[in-house]
C-alpha atoms as a PDB file:
ATOM      1  CA  UNK A   1      79.320 126.489  84.546  1.00  0.00           C
ATOM      2  CA  UNK A   2      80.999 124.012  87.042  1.00  0.00           C
ATOM      3  CA  UNK A   3      80.662 120.286  86.365  1.00  0.00           C
ATOM      4  CA  UNK A   4      77.810 118.465  87.743  1.00  0.00           C
ATOM      5  CA  UNK A   5      80.261 116.178  89.792  1.00  0.00           C
ATOM      6  CA  UNK A   6      83.422 118.064  90.875  1.00  0.00           C
ATOM      7  CA  UNK A   7      86.724 116.082  90.510  1.00  0.00           C
ATOM      8  CA  UNK A   8      89.171 117.189  93.222  1.00  0.00           C
ATOM      9  CA  UNK A   9      92.709 116.245  94.102  1.00  0.00           C
ATOM     10  CA  UNK A  10      93.761 114.733  97.389  1.00  0.00           C
ATOM     11  CA  UNK A  11      96.951 116.185  98.782  1.00  0.00           C
ATOM     12  CA  UNK A  12      97.925 112.559  99.582  1.00  0.00           C
ATOM     13  CA  UNK A  13      98.211 112.034  95.823  1.00  0.00           C
ATOM     14  CA  UNK A  14     101.466 113.937  95.650  1.00  0.00           C
ATOM     15  CA  UNK A  15     103.210 112.348  98.672  1.00  0.00           C
ATOM     16  CA  UNK A  16     106.076 112.825  99.524  1.00  0.00           C
ATOM     17  CA  UNK A  17     105.631 116.292  98.150  1.00  0.00           C
ATOM     18  CA  UNK A  18     103.732 118.647 100.451  1.00  0.00           C
ATOM     19  CA  UNK A  19     100.360 120.321 100.270  1.00  0.00           C
ATOM     20  CA  UNK A  20     101.572 123.380  98.520  1.00  0.00           C
ATOM     21  CA  UNK A  21     102.626 121.179  95.477  1.00  0.00           C
ATOM     22  CA  UNK A  22      99.153 119.642  95.493  1.00  0.00           C
ATOM     23  CA  UNK A  23      97.459 122.991  95.190  1.00  0.00           C
ATOM     24  CA  UNK A  24      99.877 124.058  92.459  1.00  0.00           C
ATOM     25  CA  UNK A  25      99.248 120.818  90.615  1.00  0.00           C
ATOM     26  CA  UNK A  26      95.508 121.022  90.944  1.00  0.00           C
ATOM     27  CA  UNK A  27      95.489 124.557  89.546  1.00  0.00           C
ATOM     28  CA  UNK A  28      97.715 123.733  86.686  1.00  0.00           C
ATOM     29  CA  UNK A  29      95.847 120.700  85.643  1.00  0.00           C
ATOM     30  CA  UNK A  30      92.328 122.111  86.087  1.00  0.00           C
ATOM     31  CA  UNK A  31      90.998 120.146  89.104  1.00  0.00           C
ATOM     32  CA  UNK A  32      87.773 121.533  90.648  1.00  0.00           C
ATOM     33  CA  UNK A  33      89.284 121.560  94.169  1.00  0.00           C
ATOM     34  CA  UNK A  34      91.463 119.900  96.679  1.00  0.00           C
ATOM     35  CA  UNK A  35      90.904 117.415  99.599  1.00  0.00           C
ATOM     36  CA  UNK A  36      93.486 118.050 102.352  1.00  0.00           C
ATOM     37  CA  UNK A  37      94.833 114.963 104.109  1.00  0.00           C
ATOM     38  CA  UNK A  38      95.726 116.189 107.629  1.00  0.00           C
ATOM     39  CA  UNK A  39      98.975 114.633 108.646  1.00  0.00           C
ATOM     40  CA  UNK A  40     102.652 115.469 109.453  1.00  0.00           C
ATOM     41  CA  UNK A  41     102.994 118.174 106.826  1.00  0.00           C
ATOM     42  CA  UNK A  42     102.478 121.389 109.105  1.00  0.00           C
ATOM     43  CA  UNK A  43     100.482 123.238 106.346  1.00  0.00           C
ATOM     44  CA  UNK A  44      97.859 120.592 106.491  1.00  0.00           C
ATOM     45  CA  UNK A  45      97.269 121.252 110.159  1.00  0.00           C
ATOM     46  CA  UNK A  46      97.038 125.087 109.803  1.00  0.00           C
ATOM     47  CA  UNK A  47      93.768 126.641 108.525  1.00  0.00           C
ATOM     48  CA  UNK A  48      95.437 129.944 107.923  1.00  0.00           C
ATOM     49  CA  UNK A  49      98.159 128.443 105.623  1.00  0.00           C
ATOM     50  CA  UNK A  50      95.498 126.385 103.936  1.00  0.00           C
ATOM     51  CA  UNK A  51      93.376 129.366 103.264  1.00  0.00           C
ATOM     52  CA  UNK A  52      96.274 131.283 101.787  1.00  0.00           C
ATOM     53  CA  UNK A  53      97.161 128.348  99.493  1.00  0.00           C
ATOM     54  CA  UNK A  54      93.611 128.046  98.315  1.00  0.00           C
ATOM     55  CA  UNK A  55      93.346 131.919  97.624  1.00  0.00           C
ATOM     56  CA  UNK A  56      96.736 132.004  95.946  1.00  0.00           C
ATOM     57  CA  UNK A  57      96.057 129.171  93.490  1.00  0.00           C
ATOM     58  CA  UNK A  58      92.293 129.919  93.174  1.00  0.00           C
ATOM     59  CA  UNK A  59      91.534 126.314  94.072  1.00  0.00           C
ATOM     60  CA  UNK A  60      88.800 125.703  96.806  1.00  0.00           C
ATOM     61  CA  UNK A  61      89.244 123.316  99.625  1.00  0.00           C
ATOM     62  CA  UNK A  62      86.127 121.088  99.296  1.00  0.00           C
ATOM     63  CA  UNK A  63      86.975 118.392 101.854  1.00  0.00           C
ATOM     64  CA  UNK A  64      89.377 117.283 104.611  1.00  0.00           C
ATOM     65  CA  UNK A  65      90.584 113.867 105.665  1.00  0.00           C
ATOM     66  CA  UNK A  66      90.930 113.493 109.453  1.00  0.00           C
ATOM     67  CA  UNK A  67      94.315 112.297 110.740  1.00  0.00           C
ATOM     68  CA  UNK A  68      93.005 108.783 111.449  1.00  0.00           C
ATOM     69  CA  UNK A  69      95.616 106.779 109.530  1.00  0.00           C
ATOM     70  CA  UNK A  70      98.419 104.770 111.211  1.00  0.00           C
ATOM     71  CA  UNK A  71     100.974 107.264 109.878  1.00  0.00           C
ATOM     72  CA  UNK A  72      99.116 110.193 111.383  1.00  0.00           C
ATOM     73  CA  UNK A  73      98.381 108.755 114.869  1.00  0.00           C
ATOM     74  CA  UNK A  74     100.576 111.437 116.586  1.00  0.00           C
ATOM     75  CA  UNK A  75      99.040 114.408 114.781  1.00  0.00           C
ATOM     76  CA  UNK A  76      97.234 116.697 117.169  1.00  0.00           C
ATOM     77  CA  UNK A  77      97.707 114.322 120.103  1.00  0.00           C
ATOM     78  CA  UNK A  78      96.446 110.797 120.880  1.00  0.00           C
ATOM     79  CA  UNK A  79      92.783 111.357 121.450  1.00  0.00           C
ATOM     80  CA  UNK A  80      91.011 110.406 118.187  1.00  0.00           C
ATOM     81  CA  UNK A  81      87.729 111.912 119.287  1.00  0.00           C
ATOM     82  CA  UNK A  82      89.316 115.325 119.801  1.00  0.00           C
ATOM     83  CA  UNK A  83      91.220 115.083 116.508  1.00  0.00           C
ATOM     84  CA  UNK A  84      87.956 114.409 114.665  1.00  0.00           C
ATOM     85  CA  UNK A  85      86.361 117.427 116.334  1.00  0.00           C
ATOM     86  CA  UNK A  86      89.388 119.613 115.428  1.00  0.00           C
ATOM     87  CA  UNK A  87      89.198 118.412 111.829  1.00  0.00           C
ATOM     88  CA  UNK A  88      85.430 119.347 111.659  1.00  0.00           C
ATOM     89  CA  UNK A  89      86.091 122.741 113.121  1.00  0.00           C
ATOM     90  CA  UNK A  90      88.792 123.370 110.580  1.00  0.00           C
ATOM     91  CA  UNK A  91      86.543 122.206 107.754  1.00  0.00           C
ATOM     92  CA  UNK A  92      83.830 124.657 109.001  1.00  0.00           C
ATOM     93  CA  UNK A  93      86.325 127.406 109.227  1.00  0.00           C
ATOM     94  CA  UNK A  94      87.664 126.790 105.634  1.00  0.00           C
ATOM     95  CA  UNK A  95      84.209 126.263 104.001  1.00  0.00           C
ATOM     96  CA  UNK A  96      84.897 122.543 103.239  1.00  0.00           C
ATOM     97  CA  UNK A  97      81.631 120.565 103.251  1.00  0.00           C
ATOM     98  CA  UNK A  98      82.942 117.094 103.877  1.00  0.00           C
ATOM     99  CA  UNK A  99      85.238 115.402 106.386  1.00  0.00           C
ATOM    100  CA  UNK A 100      86.421 111.829 105.639  1.00  0.00           C
ATOM    101  CA  UNK A 101      87.122 109.558 108.593  1.00  0.00           C
ATOM    102  CA  UNK A 102      88.260 106.059 108.952  1.00  0.00           C
ATOM    103  CA  UNK A 103      86.495 103.803 111.364  1.00  0.00           C
ATOM    104  CA  UNK A 104      88.374 103.398 114.758  1.00  0.00           C
ATOM    105  CA  UNK A 105      91.065 100.879 115.090  1.00  0.00           C
ATOM    106  CA  UNK A 106      90.346  97.937 117.416  1.00  0.00           C
ATOM    107  CA  UNK A 107      92.653  99.178 120.171  1.00  0.00           C
ATOM    108  CA  UNK A 108      90.709 102.475 120.311  1.00  0.00           C
ATOM    109  CA  UNK A 109      87.950 100.802 122.037  1.00  0.00           C
ATOM    110  CA  UNK A 110      86.715 103.842 124.067  1.00  0.00           C
ATOM    111  CA  UNK A 111      86.631 105.982 120.835  1.00  0.00           C
ATOM    112  CA  UNK A 112      84.922 103.192 119.080  1.00  0.00           C
ATOM    113  CA  UNK A 113      82.064 102.896 121.610  1.00  0.00           C
ATOM    114  CA  UNK A 114      80.980 106.530 120.907  1.00  0.00           C
ATOM    115  CA  UNK A 115      82.148 106.736 117.367  1.00  0.00           C
ATOM    116  CA  UNK A 116      78.801 106.587 115.546  1.00  0.00           C
ATOM    117  CA  UNK A 117      77.138 108.974 118.031  1.00  0.00           C
ATOM    118  CA  UNK A 118      79.887 111.477 117.822  1.00  0.00           C
ATOM    119  CA  UNK A 119      79.755 111.423 113.942  1.00  0.00           C
ATOM    120  CA  UNK A 120      76.032 112.110 114.053  1.00  0.00           C
ATOM    121  CA  UNK A 121      76.220 114.785 116.644  1.00  0.00           C
ATOM    122  CA  UNK A 122      79.045 116.645 114.856  1.00  0.00           C
ATOM    123  CA  UNK A 123      77.122 116.545 111.513  1.00  0.00           C
ATOM    124  CA  UNK A 124      74.038 117.887 113.263  1.00  0.00           C
ATOM    125  CA  UNK A 125      75.932 120.568 115.094  1.00  0.00           C
ATOM    126  CA  UNK A 126      78.109 121.923 112.272  1.00  0.00           C
ATOM    127  CA  UNK A 127      76.402 120.972 108.971  1.00  0.00           C
ATOM    128  CA  UNK A 128      79.600 119.380 107.746  1.00  0.00           C
ATOM    129  CA  UNK A 129      79.175 115.932 106.336  1.00  0.00           C
ATOM    130  CA  UNK A 130      81.216 113.220 108.085  1.00  0.00           C
ATOM    131  CA  UNK A 131      81.714 110.453 105.559  1.00  0.00           C
ATOM    132  CA  UNK A 132      82.990 107.234 107.093  1.00  0.00           C
ATOM    133  CA  UNK A 133      85.351 105.390 104.663  1.00  0.00           C
ATOM    134  CA  UNK A 134      85.026 101.761 103.682  1.00  0.00           C
ATOM    135  CA  UNK A 135      88.174  99.849 104.676  1.00  0.00           C
ATOM    136  CA  UNK A 136      89.374  96.247 104.080  1.00  0.00           C
ATOM    137  CA  UNK A 137      90.469  93.247 106.211  1.00  0.00           C
ATOM    138  CA  UNK A 138      94.059  93.074 107.342  1.00  0.00           C
ATOM    139  CA  UNK A 139      95.612  89.781 106.212  1.00  0.00           C
ATOM    140  CA  UNK A 140      98.590  88.117 107.653  1.00  0.00           C
ATOM    141  CA  UNK A 141     101.684  88.258 105.467  1.00  0.00           C
ATOM    142  CA  UNK A 142     101.851  84.466 105.222  1.00  0.00           C
ATOM    143  CA  UNK A 143     100.359  81.889 103.005  1.00  0.00           C
ATOM    144  CA  UNK A 144      97.434  81.415 105.559  1.00  0.00           C
ATOM    145  CA  UNK A 145      94.083  82.961 105.206  1.00  0.00           C
ATOM    146  CA  UNK A 146      94.099  84.400 108.595  1.00  0.00           C
ATOM    147  CA  UNK A 147      92.779  88.052 108.952  1.00  0.00           C
ATOM    148  CA  UNK A 148      93.271  90.444 111.778  1.00  0.00           C
ATOM    149  CA  UNK A 149      90.450  92.360 113.289  1.00  0.00           C
ATOM    150  CA  UNK A 150      91.800  95.850 112.753  1.00  0.00           C
ATOM    151  CA  UNK A 151      88.716  97.984 112.977  1.00  0.00           C
ATOM    152  CA  UNK A 152      85.745  98.587 115.363  1.00  0.00           C
ATOM    153  CA  UNK A 153      82.899  98.296 114.775  1.00  0.00           C
ATOM    154  CA  UNK A 154      84.353  96.753 111.535  1.00  0.00           C
ATOM    155  CA  UNK A 155      86.003  97.457 108.137  1.00  0.00           C
ATOM    156  CA  UNK A 156      82.982  96.868 106.020  1.00  0.00           C
ATOM    157  CA  UNK A 157      80.786  99.962 105.943  1.00  0.00           C
ATOM    158  CA  UNK A 158      77.882  98.202 104.399  1.00  0.00           C
ATOM    159  CA  UNK A 159      77.381  96.334 107.784  1.00  0.00           C
ATOM    160  CA  UNK A 160      76.955  99.542 109.821  1.00  0.00           C
ATOM    161  CA  UNK A 161      74.330 102.306 109.944  1.00  0.00           C
ATOM    162  CA  UNK A 162      76.361 105.296 108.986  1.00  0.00           C
ATOM    163  CA  UNK A 163      74.437 108.214 107.714  1.00  0.00           C
ATOM    164  CA  UNK A 164      77.125 109.256 105.253  1.00  0.00           C
ATOM    165  CA  UNK A 165      79.879 107.153 103.687  1.00  0.00           C
ATOM    166  CA  UNK A 166      82.990 107.446 101.442  1.00  0.00           C
ATOM    167  CA  UNK A 167      83.616 104.824  98.827  1.00  0.00           C
ATOM    168  CA  UNK A 168      87.318 104.275  98.352  1.00  0.00           C
ATOM    169  CA  UNK A 169      87.719 102.055  95.299  1.00  0.00           C
ATOM    170  CA  UNK A 170      91.334 101.050  96.156  1.00  0.00           C
ATOM    171  CA  UNK A 171      90.080  99.806  99.503  1.00  0.00           C
ATOM    172  CA  UNK A 172      87.274  97.962  97.778  1.00  0.00           C
ATOM    173  CA  UNK A 173      89.849  96.210  95.532  1.00  0.00           C
ATOM    174  CA  UNK A 174      91.762  94.872  98.553  1.00  0.00           C
ATOM    175  CA  UNK A 175      88.556  93.648 100.100  1.00  0.00           C
ATOM    176  CA  UNK A 176      87.580  92.071  96.725  1.00  0.00           C
ATOM    177  CA  UNK A 177      84.339  94.002  96.622  1.00  0.00           C
ATOM    178  CA  UNK A 178      82.603  95.320  93.483  1.00  0.00           C
ATOM    179  CA  UNK A 179      82.644  99.115  93.322  1.00  0.00           C
ATOM    180  CA  UNK A 180      79.339  99.230  91.501  1.00  0.00           C
ATOM    181  CA  UNK A 181      77.716  96.871  93.930  1.00  0.00           C
ATOM    182  CA  UNK A 182      78.864  99.131  96.769  1.00  0.00           C
ATOM    183  CA  UNK A 183      77.378 102.289  95.059  1.00  0.00           C
ATOM    184  CA  UNK A 184      73.937 100.478  94.997  1.00  0.00           C
ATOM    185  CA  UNK A 185      74.247  99.108  98.460  1.00  0.00           C
ATOM    186  CA  UNK A 186      75.157 102.551  99.992  1.00  0.00           C
ATOM    187  CA  UNK A 187      72.501 104.229  98.044  1.00  0.00           C
ATOM    188  CA  UNK A 188      71.566 107.716  99.453  1.00  0.00           C
ATOM    189  CA  UNK A 189      74.266 107.313 102.105  1.00  0.00           C
ATOM    190  CA  UNK A 190      77.113 107.589  99.565  1.00  0.00           C
ATOM    191  CA  UNK A 191      78.328 111.076  99.838  1.00  0.00           C
ATOM    192  CA  UNK A 192      81.964 111.011  98.702  1.00  0.00           C
ATOM    193  CA  UNK A 193      84.195 108.840  96.408  1.00  0.00           C
ATOM    194  CA  UNK A 194      87.972 108.327  96.442  1.00  0.00           C
ATOM    195  CA  UNK A 195      88.925 107.309  92.944  1.00  0.00           C
ATOM    196  CA  UNK A 196      91.915 104.984  92.510  1.00  0.00           C
ATOM    197  CA  UNK A 197      92.383 101.492  91.162  1.00  0.00           C
ATOM    198  CA  UNK A 198      93.697  98.201  92.552  1.00  0.00           C
ATOM    199  CA  UNK A 199      94.232  94.623  91.415  1.00  0.00           C
ATOM    200  CA  UNK A 200      92.869  92.677  94.360  1.00  0.00           C
ATOM    201  CA  UNK A 201      96.173  91.976  96.007  1.00  0.00           C
ATOM    202  CA  UNK A 202      96.311  92.215  99.767  1.00  0.00           C
ATOM    203  CA  UNK A 203      97.756  95.697  99.886  1.00  0.00           C
ATOM    204  CA  UNK A 204      96.341  99.210  99.326  1.00  0.00           C
ATOM    205  CA  UNK A 205      97.700 100.136  95.920  1.00  0.00           C
ATOM    206  CA  UNK A 206      95.962 103.463  94.928  1.00  0.00           C
ATOM    207  CA  UNK A 207      96.728 103.080  91.342  1.00  0.00           C
ATOM    208  CA  UNK A 208      95.801 105.525  88.553  1.00  0.00           C
ATOM    209  CA  UNK A 209      92.307 104.587  87.608  1.00  0.00           C
ATOM    210  CA  UNK A 210      92.280 102.285  84.592  1.00  0.00           C
ATOM    211  CA  UNK A 211      95.544 100.656  85.503  1.00  0.00           C
ATOM    212  CA  UNK A 212      94.024  98.031  87.749  1.00  0.00           C
ATOM    213  CA  UNK A 213      91.057  95.648  87.595  1.00  0.00           C
ATOM    214  CA  UNK A 214      88.397  97.643  89.567  1.00  0.00           C
ATOM    215  CA  UNK A 215      85.124  98.755  87.841  1.00  0.00           C
ATOM    216  CA  UNK A 216      86.139 102.397  88.152  1.00  0.00           C
ATOM    217  CA  UNK A 217      84.547 103.445  84.812  1.00  0.00           C
ATOM    218  CA  UNK A 218      81.343 101.753  85.576  1.00  0.00           C
ATOM    219  CA  UNK A 219      81.177 103.456  89.034  1.00  0.00           C
ATOM    220  CA  UNK A 220      81.739 106.833  87.483  1.00  0.00           C
ATOM    221  CA  UNK A 221      79.108 106.319  84.737  1.00  0.00           C
ATOM    222  CA  UNK A 222      76.563 105.155  87.356  1.00  0.00           C
ATOM    223  CA  UNK A 223      77.164 108.241  89.390  1.00  0.00           C
ATOM    224  CA  UNK A 224      76.852 110.596  86.569  1.00  0.00           C
ATOM    225  CA  UNK A 225      73.690 108.865  85.212  1.00  0.00           C
ATOM    226  CA  UNK A 226      71.918 108.753  88.565  1.00  0.00           C
ATOM    227  CA  UNK A 227      72.250 112.557  89.305  1.00  0.00           C
ATOM    228  CA  UNK A 228      74.607 111.777  92.296  1.00  0.00           C
ATOM    229  CA  UNK A 229      75.553 114.826  94.242  1.00  0.00           C
ATOM    230  CA  UNK A 230      79.105 114.606  95.750  1.00  0.00           C
ATOM    231  CA  UNK A 231      82.782 114.856  95.045  1.00  0.00           C
ATOM    232  CA  UNK A 232      84.967 112.432  93.163  1.00  0.00           C
ATOM    233  CA  UNK A 233      88.534 112.695  94.718  1.00  0.00           C
ATOM    234  CA  UNK A 234      91.571 111.465  92.966  1.00  0.00           C
ATOM    235  CA  UNK A 235      93.523 109.741  95.658  1.00  0.00           C
ATOM    236  CA  UNK A 236      96.369 107.893  93.896  1.00  0.00           C
ATOM    237  CA  UNK A 237      99.855 106.989  94.963  1.00  0.00           C
ATOM    238  CA  UNK A 238     102.719 108.740  93.202  1.00  0.00           C
ATOM    239  CA  UNK A 239     105.244 108.205  95.856  1.00  0.00           C
ATOM    240  CA  UNK A 240     107.495 106.027  93.508  1.00  0.00           C
ATOM    241  CA  UNK A 241     107.433 108.562  90.685  1.00  0.00           C
ATOM    242  CA  UNK A 242     111.002 109.626  90.098  1.00  0.00           C
ATOM    243  CA  UNK A 243     110.383 113.089  88.627  1.00  0.00           C
ATOM    244  CA  UNK A 244     107.884 115.976  88.594  1.00  0.00           C
ATOM    245  CA  UNK A 245     107.096 114.972  84.960  1.00  0.00           C
ATOM    246  CA  UNK A 246     106.074 111.527  85.940  1.00  0.00           C
ATOM    247  CA  UNK A 247     103.897 112.735  88.767  1.00  0.00           C
ATOM    248  CA  UNK A 248     102.263 115.321  86.603  1.00  0.00           C
ATOM    249  CA  UNK A 249     101.501 112.609  83.983  1.00  0.00           C
ATOM    250  CA  UNK A 250      99.834 110.377  86.651  1.00  0.00           C
ATOM    251  CA  UNK A 251      97.710 113.221  87.982  1.00  0.00           C
ATOM    252  CA  UNK A 252      96.680 114.284  84.569  1.00  0.00           C
ATOM    253  CA  UNK A 253      95.778 110.659  83.511  1.00  0.00           C
ATOM    254  CA  UNK A 254      93.611 110.305  86.652  1.00  0.00           C
ATOM    255  CA  UNK A 255      91.719 113.574  85.924  1.00  0.00           C
ATOM    256  CA  UNK A 256      91.267 112.730  82.286  1.00  0.00           C
ATOM    257  CA  UNK A 257      89.822 109.225  83.251  1.00  0.00           C
ATOM    258  CA  UNK A 258      87.418 110.852  85.781  1.00  0.00           C
ATOM    259  CA  UNK A 259      86.217 113.521  83.359  1.00  0.00           C
ATOM    260  CA  UNK A 260      85.821 111.002  80.562  1.00  0.00           C
ATOM    261  CA  UNK A 261      83.457 108.730  82.403  1.00  0.00           C
ATOM    262  CA  UNK A 262      81.613 111.461  84.357  1.00  0.00           C
ATOM    263  CA  UNK A 263      80.640 113.300  81.107  1.00  0.00           C
ATOM    264  CA  UNK A 264      76.971 113.283  80.098  1.00  0.00           C
ATOM    265  CA  UNK A 265      78.177 111.228  77.099  1.00  0.00           C
ATOM    266  CA  UNK A 266      80.992 109.164  78.433  1.00  0.00           C
ATOM    267  CA  UNK A 267      83.986 108.546  76.261  1.00  0.00           C
ATOM    268  CA  UNK A 268      86.265 105.665  76.597  1.00  0.00           C
ATOM    269  CA  UNK A 269      89.811 106.458  78.023  1.00  0.00           C
ATOM    270  CA  UNK A 270      92.684 104.122  78.756  1.00  0.00           C
ATOM    271  CA  UNK A 271      95.514 105.844  80.696  1.00  0.00           C
ATOM    272  CA  UNK A 272      98.989 105.510  79.353  1.00  0.00           C
ATOM    273  CA  UNK A 273     101.132 102.974  81.123  1.00  0.00           C
ATOM    274  CA  UNK A 274     103.550 104.259  83.708  1.00  0.00           C
ATOM    275  CA  UNK A 275     106.849 105.387  82.347  1.00  0.00           C
ATOM    276  CA  UNK A 276     108.675 102.882  84.546  1.00  0.00           C
ATOM    277  CA  UNK A 277     107.805  99.678  86.170  1.00  0.00           C
ATOM    278  CA  UNK A 278     107.847  99.239  89.921  1.00  0.00           C
ATOM    279  CA  UNK A 279     105.989  97.361  92.664  1.00  0.00           C
ATOM    280  CA  UNK A 280     103.193  99.630  93.957  1.00  0.00           C
ATOM    281  CA  UNK A 281     103.970 100.747  97.546  1.00  0.00           C
ATOM    282  CA  UNK A 282     101.482 100.369 100.388  1.00  0.00           C
ATOM    283  CA  UNK A 283      99.585 103.581 100.479  1.00  0.00           C
ATOM    284  CA  UNK A 284      96.942 104.374 103.025  1.00  0.00           C
END
């Protein structure tokens, strides 16, 4: 019997390795599926390749992340509305039930004007859930408290009437928001969770859950006890791991953390420390 709340692996968690490695890792470690981050890796842009990877490793593709990051601005052209439409079409073709999308950047003002309407129309037309992700304020890299307006209509998903949202706990850490408070604020609109930790510094860390200061365990226990229906997606940064062994250990620790606190009877789990010390790189 499948778990009540599936725990899936984002292909972004293995960067700079490619999507094929994520499918292999998900199968080996026992993840319940994969979320495909659409970006420069050609496999992530090709539904036929993705379908073959899914079938070969017997790991379902449960969600896609639209190419709306700064690093994927050139994927599938420059029109963000068309890119979102293409992602939804690919999700529908692959049988993935959810598409994660960031709110528009402030310089994408034409896209931003119709963003909420497009999201609702695509959901109604295709049956795919478009879950808008919570973001965080961009802070100047100085001692000042100045913040840049980076997103339209804004970075804080609690201030906008999205039908479906994705809670990213690393983003919440940057914004200094409580994950548990966000779960309760989003309520029935919460459809998807990106599981990663952070320490509250002004950069997106995407740490293994349990290695930061976010209330990751409390969030997972609340989801499990409330009968929440959605996916918990491990979206950590392993880009500084120096070997396949280190990366495997981080992916395994994140999965164990998720399963420990999503269980009907939660069990405490503290992930082992990383095998080497490094500054966390800016992720996504």
